[in-house]
Amino acid sequence: MSLRESIRSGRAQYVTLWLLAGVSFVLAATNTAVFGLEQSTLLLFTSVFAAVTAEYTDSRNCPSRESSS
């Protein structure tokens, strides 16, 4: 699969969002402050990244959204 096909399929964005959610969760679980962000902010980022990833997956699988674009 070429880079263009990978970007068009959305696989790279999906993996990136899950990696960001995972990294922010690990940092929050170990109570590691990064760039001045505390545990509560990192947990918020974790939930946002996971929610965006779930919505991203649902929108790719929903036929009504594909026809409207």
Protein backbone atom coordinates (compact mmCIF):
# COMPACT_ATOMS: atom_id res chain seq x y z
CA MET A 1 0.00 0.00 0.00
CA SER A 2 1.44 3.35 -1.02
CA LEU A 3 1.56 6.35 1.30
CA ARG A 4 -1.19 8.09 -0.67
CA GLU A 5 -3.51 5.06 -0.37
CA SER A 6 -2.75 4.77 3.33
CA ILE A 7 -3.61 8.42 3.95
CA ARG A 8 -6.75 8.19 1.84
CA SER A 9 -7.92 5.08 3.71
CA GLY A 10 -7.50 6.86 7.06
CA ARG A 11 -5.43 4.08 8.60
CA ALA A 12 -2.58 6.43 9.57
CA GLN A 13 -4.92 8.86 11.32
CA TYR A 14 -6.66 6.03 13.15
CA VAL A 15 -3.39 4.56 14.42
CA THR A 16 -2.06 7.99 15.38
CA LEU A 17 -5.15 8.82 17.43
CA TRP A 18 -4.95 5.52 19.33
CA LEU A 19 -1.22 6.02 19.95
CA LEU A 20 -1.88 9.51 21.35
CA ALA A 21 -4.61 8.11 23.59
CA GLY A 22 -2.31 5.33 24.79
CA VAL A 23 0.66 7.60 25.45
CA SER A 24 -1.41 10.14 27.34
CA PHE A 25 -2.97 7.35 29.42
CA VAL A 26 0.42 5.88 30.33
CA LEU A 27 1.74 9.31 31.28
CA ALA A 28 -1.35 9.95 33.43
CA ALA A 29 -1.15 6.50 35.05
CA THR A 30 2.48 7.04 36.01
CA ASN A 31 1.70 10.61 37.15
CA THR A 32 4.34 12.04 34.83
CA ALA A 33 3.97 15.74 34.05
CA VAL A 34 4.85 16.56 30.45
CA PHE A 35 5.08 20.16 29.19
CA GLY A 36 3.43 21.26 32.43
CA LEU A 37 0.36 19.05 31.88
CA GLU A 38 -0.77 17.32 35.04
CA GLN A 39 -2.51 13.98 35.50
CA SER A 40 -6.05 15.32 35.20
CA THR A 41 -5.26 17.08 31.92
CA LEU A 42 -3.59 13.98 30.52
CA LEU A 43 -6.65 11.90 31.44
CA LEU A 44 -8.82 14.46 29.66
CA PHE A 45 -6.62 14.16 26.57
CA THR A 46 -6.91 10.36 26.79
CA SER A 47 -10.70 10.50 26.77
CA VAL A 48 -10.77 13.05 23.94
CA PHE A 49 -8.40 11.05 21.72
CA ALA A 50 -10.33 7.83 22.40
CA ALA A 51 -13.68 9.51 21.69
CA VAL A 52 -12.42 11.07 18.47
CA THR A 53 -11.04 7.71 17.38
CA ALA A 54 -14.36 5.99 18.10
CA GLU A 55 -16.28 8.68 16.20
CA TYR A 56 -13.77 8.50 13.36
CA THR A 57 -14.31 4.75 13.10
CA ASP A 58 -18.12 5.10 13.21
CA SER A 59 -18.18 7.79 10.54
CA ARG A 60 -16.09 5.63 8.21
CA ASN A 61 -18.52 2.74 8.61
CA CYS A 62 -21.75 4.74 8.33
CA PRO A 63 -23.18 4.59 4.80
CA SER A 64 -25.29 7.75 5.26
CA ARG A 65 -22.21 9.87 5.97
CA GLU A 66 -20.37 8.47 2.96
CA SER A 67 -23.17 9.46 0.61
CA SER A 68 -23.31 13.02 1.97
CA SER A 69 -19.63 13.75 1.31
